Amino acid sequence: MKTLYLDIFSGLSGDMFIGALLDLGVDSHQLEQELARLDLEGYSVRVSRQHRGHIAGTKFDVRLEGEPRPHFDRDRHQPVQGEEPEDAPQQHRHVHPHAHEHSPHHHSAPGAEHDPESLEHGHAREAHPHHHEGEGHGSSRTFADIQELIARSPLSDWVREKALAIFQRVAIAEGKIHGQPPEAIHFHEVGAVDSIVDVVGGCLALEMLGKPRVMAGPVVEGTGWVHCAHGRFPLPAPATLEILAARGVPVSQCDEPHELVTPTGAALLAELAESFGPMQNLFPLQIGYGLGTREHQTRPNVLRAVLCETAAHAAAHDWETDVVAVLQTNLDDASGELLGSFVEKALAQGALDVFHTPIHMKKNRPGVLLSLLCPESTADQFSELILRETTAFGVRRHLAERRKLRREVARAKTPYGEVLLKVGKLDGQILQTAPEYESCRRLAEQAGVALKQVYDAATRAILP
């Protein structure tokens, strides 16, 4: 199985992630063509070969129309020589997205440069942020706008799913910081364009690389301060810390006096990386370097991406992998009605699965083991639901890796009509088929036959 290991010893931003994947061989022209399928205008991309700390790699830039000069990375790195002193006290100027109330503290001060990547927690490009005339709250995208843009795009289901999940993590973090629901957060139009390209482009590049599983090294952040709408804050920046905390990712700081991990970089890690730690039992196949702009003081400003085979590559399969949270609690005083109500409510709120198993507890009391599977980002939400809606005094929680058949939706022609089926494949072979219930029920009623007959006909039609 192919594995992409992200060696983030010098941090991570969205553009550095794309640069590293391009350096591994993703075709830049194909990536640009795929991005063009989004209903998004006002930008162009530039890919170039450069050096950082004597390391050669790929530099990915997004340029916005009407700008007086090229944009710098959204990793907010060093301005061109002479524009702003390296020791300038406000290199990190953070301008926050704003909530519906348009509170004054969500606005830039008069004359302050607006953030070109405001979705990344309002991080200005650290390299001398620009001021865009006329850019204000009248020119903004809501989180719902960005969701709709991606959801209606003709991109693959996998790209849409991953991109939406990454934006969801950023919006939740921003909403928590502002004390607002995620849908109340607005993002400046320019910043939204920048970040949409970074997030969707990163997912597209990963798909073009073959959708390898992703692992990452320990998260390392720099030291110092950032200036944002929250005031002067120490690193890590508020949104970066919120995103990593929600995923439960450990963070260490180093002596590099600059921001290393951006909120978009944190969201990419939180959504895509299965684990964080040193490489173990991986066979390196290719190595790519995605470049930032600043020349760092203590380390090369690069993201090293290593495409590997696992140690068990001979027996690797093409199954999908992900990580879910498993929540469990033992109950000996919960009625059947209470458990039934909880299962319905949890599934309605987005739990992946809920079930209870008979067990024997202390003093030989009969009880149940209540188990709930959910995305890691919603583990706290469902932990609270268990504590509020059942008799539990505590909830155990751990993360579990899953291996899943690759799923497709197929249509099968039967003597009774066309039926939708869910098909599960492993290494190209169909292993499971599941006719869609409502589709089969409707045809069975129309034909006046048993539901099982339609099920059997649909299964026979799809199997080779």
Protein backbone atom coordinates (compact mmCIF):
# COMPACT_ATOMS: atom_id res chain seq x y z
CA MET A 1 0.00 0.00 0.00
CA LYS A 2 1.29 3.46 -0.91
CA THR A 3 1.82 5.81 2.03
CA LEU A 4 2.56 9.53 1.91
CA TYR A 5 4.69 10.58 4.88
CA LEU A 6 4.76 14.32 5.60
CA ASP A 7 7.96 15.31 7.35
CA ILE A 8 6.76 18.58 8.90
CA PHE A 9 9.93 19.53 10.75
CA SER A 10 9.52 23.05 9.28
CA GLY A 11 5.76 23.29 9.51
CA LEU A 12 3.01 23.09 6.91
CA SER A 13 0.83 25.42 4.87
CA GLY A 14 -1.61 24.71 2.04
CA ASP A 15 0.67 25.92 -0.74
CA MET A 16 3.68 24.02 0.63
CA PHE A 17 1.53 20.84 0.64
CA ILE A 18 0.62 21.30 -3.02
CA GLY A 19 4.22 22.16 -3.91
CA ALA A 20 5.47 18.94 -2.32
CA LEU A 21 2.95 16.81 -4.24
CA LEU A 22 3.88 18.54 -7.48
CA ASP A 23 7.51 17.79 -6.69
CA LEU A 24 6.56 14.11 -6.34
CA GLY A 25 5.31 14.10 -9.90
CA VAL A 26 1.73 15.40 -9.91
CA ASP A 27 1.20 17.15 -13.25
CA SER A 28 0.79 20.90 -12.69
CA HIS A 29 -1.14 21.45 -15.94
CA GLN A 30 -3.59 18.68 -15.10
CA LEU A 31 -4.01 20.13 -11.60
CA GLU A 32 -4.75 23.56 -13.07
CA GLN A 33 -7.29 22.04 -15.46
CA GLU A 34 -9.04 20.26 -12.60
CA LEU A 35 -9.12 23.46 -10.53
CA ALA A 36 -10.69 25.22 -13.51
CA ARG A 37 -13.73 22.96 -13.12
CA LEU A 38 -14.62 24.95 -10.00
CA ASP A 39 -16.86 27.95 -10.56
CA LEU A 40 -14.10 30.20 -9.24
CA GLU A 41 -12.55 33.17 -10.99
CA GLY A 42 -10.08 35.93 -10.31
CA TYR A 43 -6.88 33.97 -9.83
CA SER A 44 -4.04 32.22 -11.62
CA VAL A 45 -1.43 29.76 -10.39
CA ARG A 46 2.32 29.73 -10.87
CA VAL A 47 4.65 26.77 -10.33
CA SER A 48 8.42 27.25 -10.27
CA ARG A 49 11.63 25.53 -9.20
CA GLN A 50 13.52 27.33 -6.43
CA HIS A 51 15.88 26.67 -3.51
CA ARG A 52 15.47 27.07 0.25
CA GLY A 53 18.49 26.44 2.44
CA HIS A 54 20.26 24.88 -0.57
CA ILE A 55 17.35 22.41 -0.96
CA ALA A 56 15.78 22.39 -4.42
CA GLY A 57 12.02 22.02 -4.57
CA THR A 58 8.74 23.23 -6.04
CA LYS A 59 7.13 26.57 -5.25
CA PHE A 60 3.36 26.88 -5.71
CA ASP A 61 1.80 30.36 -5.80
CA VAL A 62 -1.72 31.67 -6.25
CA ARG A 63 -1.94 35.10 -7.87
CA LEU A 64 -5.11 37.13 -7.58
CA GLU A 65 -6.33 39.42 -10.34
CA GLY A 66 -5.74 43.13 -9.90
CA GLU A 67 -2.86 42.79 -7.49
CA PRO A 68 0.03 45.20 -7.95
CA ARG A 69 2.60 42.45 -7.54
CA PRO A 70 2.72 38.64 -7.19
CA HIS A 71 1.27 37.06 -4.08
CA PHE A 72 3.45 35.28 -1.61
CA ASP A 73 2.71 31.94 0.00
CA ARG A 74 -0.06 31.60 2.41
CA ASP A 75 2.58 30.32 4.78
CA ARG A 76 3.17 34.04 5.37
CA HIS A 77 6.88 33.85 4.84
CA GLN A 78 9.62 36.35 4.15
CA PRO A 79 8.88 39.44 2.00
CA VAL A 80 11.17 40.30 -0.85
CA GLN A 81 14.31 42.01 0.30
CA GLY A 82 13.82 45.61 1.32
CA GLU A 83 10.01 45.54 1.63
CA GLU A 84 9.80 44.88 5.33
CA PRO A 85 12.62 44.35 7.83
CA GLU A 86 13.07 40.78 8.94
CA ASP A 87 12.77 41.89 12.56
CA ALA A 88 9.70 44.04 11.95
CA PRO A 89 7.47 43.83 15.03
CA GLN A 90 4.30 43.05 13.05
CA GLN A 91 5.34 40.59 10.37
CA HIS A 92 2.39 38.40 11.34
CA ARG A 93 -0.65 40.57 10.78
CA HIS A 94 -3.79 38.51 11.33
CA VAL A 95 -7.14 39.80 10.12
CA HIS A 96 -10.00 37.56 11.23
CA PRO A 97 -13.04 36.37 9.36
CA HIS A 98 -16.14 38.05 10.75
CA ALA A 99 -19.42 36.75 12.08
CA HIS A 100 -22.86 37.95 11.01
CA GLU A 101 -22.95 40.65 13.61
CA HIS A 102 -20.02 42.38 11.89
CA SER A 103 -18.61 43.28 15.27
CA PRO A 104 -16.02 46.07 15.10
CA HIS A 105 -13.27 43.84 16.38
CA HIS A 106 -13.68 41.62 13.36
CA HIS A 107 -12.60 44.45 11.04
CA SER A 108 -9.17 45.64 10.11
CA ALA A 109 -8.18 48.97 11.46
CA PRO A 110 -8.36 51.78 8.91
CA GLY A 111 -5.46 51.45 6.52
CA ALA A 112 -4.54 47.96 7.70
CA GLU A 113 -3.89 45.42 4.97
CA HIS A 114 -6.62 42.88 4.47
CA ASP A 115 -5.85 39.24 4.73
CA PRO A 116 -5.38 37.39 1.44
CA GLU A 117 -6.05 34.11 3.20
CA SER A 118 -8.60 35.05 5.77
CA LEU A 119 -9.94 31.51 5.88
CA GLU A 120 -6.69 30.50 7.51
CA HIS A 121 -7.78 32.14 10.75
CA GLY A 122 -7.26 35.51 9.14
CA HIS A 123 -3.55 34.90 8.70
CA ALA A 124 -2.17 37.56 6.42
CA ARG A 125 0.57 36.42 4.16
CA GLU A 126 3.38 37.10 6.47
CA ALA A 127 5.27 38.57 3.57
CA HIS A 128 3.93 42.10 3.71
CA PRO A 129 0.12 41.76 3.49
CA HIS A 130 -1.72 43.76 0.85
CA HIS A 131 -4.56 46.22 1.21
CA HIS A 132 -7.34 45.67 -1.31
CA GLU A 133 -9.37 48.76 -2.02
CA GLY A 134 -13.06 48.18 -1.55
CA GLU A 135 -12.55 44.81 0.10
CA GLY A 136 -14.85 44.65 3.07
CA HIS A 137 -17.71 42.74 4.49
CA GLY A 138 -19.78 43.43 1.42
CA SER A 139 -17.30 41.29 -0.53
CA SER A 140 -17.24 38.04 1.40
CA ARG A 141 -18.20 34.39 1.26
CA THR A 142 -19.96 32.56 4.03
CA PHE A 143 -18.99 29.06 5.03
CA ALA A 144 -22.27 27.94 3.40
CA ASP A 145 -21.21 29.66 0.15
CA ILE A 146 -17.96 27.72 0.11
CA GLN A 147 -19.78 24.48 0.89
CA GLU A 148 -22.19 25.05 -1.99
CA LEU A 149 -19.38 25.95 -4.39
CA ILE A 150 -17.55 22.69 -3.67
CA ALA A 151 -20.65 20.48 -3.39
CA ARG A 152 -22.02 21.53 -6.80
CA SER A 153 -18.67 21.22 -8.56
CA PRO A 154 -18.09 18.37 -11.05
CA LEU A 155 -15.08 17.14 -9.07
CA SER A 156 -14.96 13.57 -7.77
CA ASP A 157 -16.94 12.53 -4.69
CA TRP A 158 -13.69 11.91 -2.82
CA VAL A 159 -12.28 15.38 -3.51
CA ARG A 160 -15.54 17.08 -2.57
CA GLU A 161 -15.84 15.05 0.63
CA LYS A 162 -12.28 15.75 1.77
CA ALA A 163 -12.31 19.45 0.84
CA LEU A 164 -15.61 20.03 2.64
CA ALA A 165 -14.32 18.21 5.73
CA ILE A 166 -11.18 20.36 5.80
CA PHE A 167 -13.18 23.59 5.53
CA GLN A 168 -15.54 22.28 8.21
CA ARG A 169 -12.63 21.95 10.63
CA VAL A 170 -11.53 25.54 10.00
CA ALA A 171 -15.08 26.91 10.30
CA ILE A 172 -15.68 25.06 13.58
CA ALA A 173 -12.45 26.45 15.01
CA GLU A 174 -13.27 29.98 13.86
CA GLY A 175 -16.79 29.72 15.24
CA LYS A 176 -15.51 28.55 18.61
CA ILE A 177 -13.04 31.45 18.80
CA HIS A 178 -15.75 33.96 17.90
CA GLY A 179 -18.46 32.33 20.01
CA GLN A 180 -20.51 31.81 16.85
CA PRO A 181 -21.86 28.77 14.97
CA PRO A 182 -19.68 27.83 11.98
CA GLU A 183 -22.29 28.96 9.48
CA ALA A 184 -22.18 32.50 10.93
CA ILE A 185 -18.57 33.00 9.89
CA HIS A 186 -17.84 35.12 6.81
CA PHE A 187 -14.57 35.11 4.90
CA HIS A 188 -13.22 37.96 2.80
CA GLU A 189 -13.65 37.19 -0.90
CA VAL A 190 -9.94 37.37 -1.65
CA GLY A 191 -9.02 35.15 1.26
CA ALA A 192 -11.71 32.65 0.33
CA VAL A 193 -10.39 32.35 -3.24
CA ASP A 194 -6.87 31.80 -1.94
CA SER A 195 -7.91 29.13 0.51
CA ILE A 196 -10.32 27.35 -1.81
CA VAL A 197 -7.47 26.91 -4.28
CA ASP A 198 -5.17 25.62 -1.51
CA VAL A 199 -7.68 23.18 -0.01
CA VAL A 200 -9.30 21.87 -3.18
CA GLY A 201 -5.95 21.88 -4.99
CA GLY A 202 -4.37 19.86 -2.19
CA CYS A 203 -7.17 17.26 -2.33
CA LEU A 204 -6.96 17.10 -6.12
CA ALA A 205 -3.18 16.63 -6.02
CA LEU A 206 -3.54 13.85 -3.46
CA GLU A 207 -6.13 12.12 -5.65
CA MET A 208 -3.84 12.47 -8.67
CA LEU A 209 -1.09 10.84 -6.63
CA GLY A 210 -3.34 7.80 -6.18
CA LYS A 211 -4.99 8.66 -2.84
CA PRO A 212 -2.23 7.13 -0.68
CA ARG A 213 -2.79 6.86 3.05
CA VAL A 214 -1.23 9.86 4.80
CA MET A 215 0.99 9.84 7.86
CA ALA A 216 2.87 12.77 9.37
CA GLY A 217 5.77 13.51 11.64
CA PRO A 218 5.32 15.26 14.99
CA VAL A 219 3.79 18.73 14.65
CA VAL A 220 6.41 21.43 15.22
CA GLU A 221 5.47 25.10 15.59
CA GLY A 222 7.67 28.15 15.96
CA THR A 223 7.71 30.71 18.73
CA GLY A 224 6.81 34.37 18.81
CA TRP A 225 3.66 36.40 18.37
CA VAL A 226 0.97 37.01 15.77
CA HIS A 227 -1.17 40.12 15.35
CA CYS A 228 -4.81 39.36 14.64
CA ALA A 229 -8.30 40.59 15.43
CA HIS A 230 -8.08 38.81 18.77
CA GLY A 231 -5.13 41.00 19.68
CA ARG A 232 -1.49 40.08 20.00
CA PHE A 233 -1.36 36.32 20.50
CA PRO A 234 1.53 33.93 21.05
CA LEU A 235 2.09 31.08 18.64
CA PRO A 236 0.46 28.73 17.88
CA ALA A 237 -2.20 31.02 16.40
CA PRO A 238 -5.69 30.58 17.93
CA ALA A 239 -7.31 28.75 14.99
CA THR A 240 -4.28 26.50 14.46
CA LEU A 241 -4.38 25.44 18.09
CA GLU A 242 -8.15 24.88 18.05
CA ILE A 243 -7.95 22.67 14.95
CA LEU A 244 -5.12 20.53 16.31
CA ALA A 245 -6.76 20.30 19.74
CA ALA A 246 -10.04 19.07 18.23
CA ARG A 247 -8.15 16.21 16.57
CA GLY A 248 -6.05 15.55 19.69
CA VAL A 249 -2.73 16.18 17.91
CA PRO A 250 0.32 16.81 20.15
CA VAL A 251 2.20 20.04 19.42
CA SER A 252 5.81 20.96 20.19
CA GLN A 253 7.50 24.31 19.72
CA CYS A 254 11.01 24.96 18.47
CA ASP A 255 13.30 27.99 18.52
CA GLU A 256 12.38 29.21 15.02
CA PRO A 257 10.98 32.73 15.66
CA HIS A 258 8.18 32.53 13.09
CA GLU A 259 4.85 30.83 12.49
CA LEU A 260 5.41 27.40 10.92
CA VAL A 261 1.98 25.75 10.92
CA THR A 262 -0.91 27.70 9.41
CA PRO A 263 -4.59 26.95 10.14
CA THR A 264 -5.06 25.52 6.65
CA GLY A 265 -1.99 23.36 7.19
CA ALA A 266 -3.39 22.24 10.54
CA ALA A 267 -6.76 21.40 8.95
CA LEU A 268 -5.07 19.37 6.20
CA LEU A 269 -3.17 17.40 8.84
CA ALA A 270 -6.21 16.93 11.06
CA GLU A 271 -8.34 15.59 8.22
CA LEU A 272 -5.84 13.61 6.15
CA ALA A 273 -3.17 12.22 8.49
CA GLU A 274 -3.92 8.90 10.12
CA SER A 275 -1.12 9.18 12.68
CA PHE A 276 1.70 11.43 13.86
CA GLY A 277 5.18 10.20 14.69
CA PRO A 278 8.48 9.00 13.24
CA MET A 279 8.57 6.83 10.12
CA GLN A 280 8.27 3.13 10.89
CA ASN A 281 8.57 0.21 8.46
CA LEU A 282 8.26 2.38 5.38
CA PHE A 283 10.21 1.89 2.15
CA PRO A 284 10.85 5.33 0.54
CA LEU A 285 10.13 5.40 -3.18
CA GLN A 286 10.14 9.13 -4.04
CA ILE A 287 10.92 12.31 -2.13
CA GLY A 288 9.45 15.73 -2.90
CA TYR A 289 10.02 19.17 -1.41
CA GLY A 290 7.38 21.91 -1.19
CA LEU A 291 8.91 25.33 -0.58
CA GLY A 292 7.88 28.29 1.51
CA THR A 293 9.13 31.81 0.83
CA ARG A 294 11.12 32.82 3.89
CA GLU A 295 14.65 31.63 4.50
CA HIS A 296 14.30 30.32 8.04
CA GLN A 297 16.94 30.91 10.66
CA THR A 298 17.14 27.41 12.15
CA ARG A 299 16.01 25.01 9.38
CA PRO A 300 15.28 24.95 5.65
CA ASN A 301 11.80 26.26 4.92
CA VAL A 302 10.57 23.12 3.17
CA LEU A 303 7.97 20.41 3.55
CA ARG A 304 9.52 17.04 2.81
CA ALA A 305 6.97 14.57 1.44
CA VAL A 306 8.04 10.94 1.15
CA LEU A 307 6.03 8.52 -0.98
CA CYS A 308 6.56 5.05 0.49
CA GLU A 309 5.51 1.45 0.37
CA THR A 310 4.57 -0.18 3.66
CA ALA A 311 6.63 -3.08 4.95
CA ALA A 312 3.80 -5.39 3.97
CA HIS A 313 3.70 -4.01 0.43
CA ALA A 314 3.61 -7.49 -1.08
CA ALA A 315 0.21 -8.11 0.49
CA ALA A 316 -1.13 -4.57 0.10
CA HIS A 317 -4.69 -4.01 -1.07
CA ASP A 318 -6.52 -1.08 -2.53
CA TRP A 319 -8.99 -0.76 0.34
CA GLU A 320 -9.78 2.64 1.79
CA THR A 321 -8.62 3.62 5.26
CA ASP A 322 -9.74 6.15 7.82
CA VAL A 323 -9.71 6.79 11.55
CA VAL A 324 -12.85 6.97 13.70
CA ALA A 325 -13.51 7.62 17.37
CA VAL A 326 -14.98 4.75 19.39
CA LEU A 327 -17.01 5.85 22.43
CA GLN A 328 -18.11 3.24 24.98
CA THR A 329 -19.77 3.06 28.37
CA ASN A 330 -21.15 0.24 30.57
CA LEU A 331 -24.76 0.66 31.74
CA ASP A 332 -26.72 -1.47 34.22
CA ASP A 333 -29.68 0.84 34.84
CA ALA A 334 -30.78 1.93 31.37
CA SER A 335 -34.20 0.84 30.13
CA GLY A 336 -34.83 -0.46 26.65
CA GLU A 337 -36.88 2.63 25.81
CA LEU A 338 -34.04 4.93 26.87
CA LEU A 339 -31.50 3.00 24.81
CA GLY A 340 -33.77 2.93 21.77
CA SER A 341 -34.33 6.66 21.98
CA PHE A 342 -30.60 7.32 22.29
CA VAL A 343 -29.75 5.18 19.26
CA GLU A 344 -32.27 7.07 17.10
CA LYS A 345 -31.07 10.47 18.29
CA ALA A 346 -27.36 9.67 17.85
CA LEU A 347 -27.85 8.34 14.31
CA ALA A 348 -29.95 11.38 13.41
CA GLN A 349 -27.08 13.63 14.58
CA GLY A 350 -24.50 11.92 12.37
CA ALA A 351 -23.10 8.97 14.33
CA LEU A 352 -21.60 6.37 12.00
CA ASP A 353 -22.97 3.47 14.05
CA VAL A 354 -24.55 2.88 17.47
CA PHE A 355 -25.15 -0.47 19.13
CA HIS A 356 -25.44 -2.06 22.58
CA THR A 357 -24.21 -5.49 23.61
CA PRO A 358 -25.32 -7.59 26.62
CA ILE A 359 -22.60 -7.88 29.29
CA HIS A 360 -22.20 -8.96 32.93
CA MET A 361 -21.12 -6.23 35.30
CA LYS A 362 -20.10 -5.99 38.95
CA LYS A 363 -21.99 -8.21 41.38
CA ASN A 364 -23.15 -10.26 38.36
CA ARG A 365 -25.56 -7.57 37.29
CA PRO A 366 -26.79 -7.80 33.70
CA GLY A 367 -26.00 -4.70 31.70
CA VAL A 368 -25.17 -3.40 28.25
CA LEU A 369 -22.04 -2.09 26.61
CA LEU A 370 -23.13 0.99 24.66
CA SER A 371 -20.82 1.67 21.71
CA LEU A 372 -20.84 4.59 19.29
CA LEU A 373 -18.65 5.21 16.24
CA CYS A 374 -18.24 8.76 14.94
CA PRO A 375 -15.78 11.00 13.11
CA GLU A 376 -12.98 12.08 15.40
CA SER A 377 -13.98 15.73 15.03
CA THR A 378 -17.40 15.04 16.62
CA ALA A 379 -16.21 12.81 19.48
CA ASP A 380 -16.78 15.49 22.13
CA GLN A 381 -20.26 16.22 20.78
CA PHE A 382 -21.30 12.56 21.08
CA SER A 383 -19.57 12.11 24.43
CA GLU A 384 -21.77 14.90 25.77
CA LEU A 385 -24.83 13.31 24.16
CA ILE A 386 -24.11 9.99 25.93
CA LEU A 387 -23.71 11.73 29.29
CA ARG A 388 -26.89 13.78 28.84
CA GLU A 389 -29.17 11.16 27.30
CA THR A 390 -28.19 7.97 29.17
CA THR A 391 -27.41 6.99 32.75
CA ALA A 392 -23.65 6.97 32.10
CA PHE A 393 -21.23 8.58 34.56
CA GLY A 394 -18.31 8.42 32.13
CA VAL A 395 -17.35 7.62 28.54
CA ARG A 396 -14.29 5.77 27.31
CA ARG A 397 -12.79 6.98 24.08
CA HIS A 398 -10.16 5.67 21.70
CA LEU A 399 -9.29 5.96 18.01
CA ALA A 400 -9.56 3.03 15.64
CA GLU A 401 -8.23 2.55 12.10
CA ARG A 402 -10.69 1.14 9.60
CA ARG A 403 -10.15 -0.78 6.38
CA LYS A 404 -13.07 -0.39 3.99
CA LEU A 405 -14.02 -1.82 0.63
CA ARG A 406 -14.01 0.74 -2.13
CA ARG A 407 -17.65 1.64 -2.64
CA GLU A 408 -19.52 2.45 -5.82
CA VAL A 409 -23.17 3.05 -6.65
CA ALA A 410 -24.38 0.85 -9.52
CA ARG A 411 -27.65 0.40 -11.38
CA ALA A 412 -28.91 -3.09 -12.09
CA LYS A 413 -31.59 -3.89 -14.67
CA THR A 414 -34.01 -6.53 -13.41
CA PRO A 415 -37.25 -7.96 -14.81
CA TYR A 416 -39.03 -5.60 -12.40
CA GLY A 417 -37.17 -2.43 -13.32
CA GLU A 418 -33.90 -0.67 -12.51
CA VAL A 419 -32.51 -1.01 -8.97
CA LEU A 420 -29.79 1.01 -7.24
CA LEU A 421 -27.08 -1.02 -5.50
CA LYS A 422 -24.10 -0.30 -3.28
CA VAL A 423 -21.09 -2.28 -4.51
CA GLY A 424 -17.98 -3.04 -2.43
CA LYS A 425 -14.74 -3.87 -4.27
CA LEU A 426 -11.31 -5.08 -3.18
CA ASP A 427 -8.47 -5.05 -5.71
CA GLY A 428 -11.03 -4.58 -8.48
CA GLN A 429 -13.12 -7.60 -7.49
CA ILE A 430 -16.74 -7.23 -6.35
CA LEU A 431 -17.01 -8.77 -2.87
CA GLN A 432 -20.25 -7.26 -1.57
CA THR A 433 -23.47 -6.00 -3.08
CA ALA A 434 -26.30 -4.33 -1.21
CA PRO A 435 -29.47 -3.44 -3.13
CA GLU A 436 -30.98 -0.15 -2.00
CA TYR A 437 -34.06 -0.93 0.10
CA GLU A 438 -36.41 1.84 -1.05
CA SER A 439 -35.63 1.14 -4.69
CA CYS A 440 -36.42 -2.58 -4.25
CA ARG A 441 -39.52 -1.96 -2.12
CA ARG A 442 -41.04 0.34 -4.71
CA LEU A 443 -40.51 -2.17 -7.55
CA ALA A 444 -41.83 -5.05 -5.43
CA GLU A 445 -45.03 -3.15 -4.71
CA GLN A 446 -45.48 -2.18 -8.36
CA ALA A 447 -44.93 -5.76 -9.56
CA GLY A 448 -46.87 -7.41 -6.73
CA VAL A 449 -43.99 -9.73 -5.86
CA ALA A 450 -42.05 -10.47 -2.69
CA LEU A 451 -39.34 -7.98 -1.76
CA LYS A 452 -36.82 -10.84 -1.61
CA GLN A 453 -37.40 -11.62 -5.29
CA VAL A 454 -36.39 -8.10 -6.32
CA TYR A 455 -33.35 -8.26 -4.02
CA ASP A 456 -32.21 -11.56 -5.53
CA ALA A 457 -32.75 -10.30 -9.09
CA ALA A 458 -30.73 -7.17 -8.44
CA THR A 459 -27.85 -9.14 -6.91
CA ARG A 460 -27.74 -11.60 -9.82
CA ALA A 461 -27.76 -8.74 -12.32
CA ILE A 462 -24.69 -7.04 -10.87
CA LEU A 463 -22.49 -10.09 -10.15
CA PRO A 464 -20.28 -11.36 -13.02
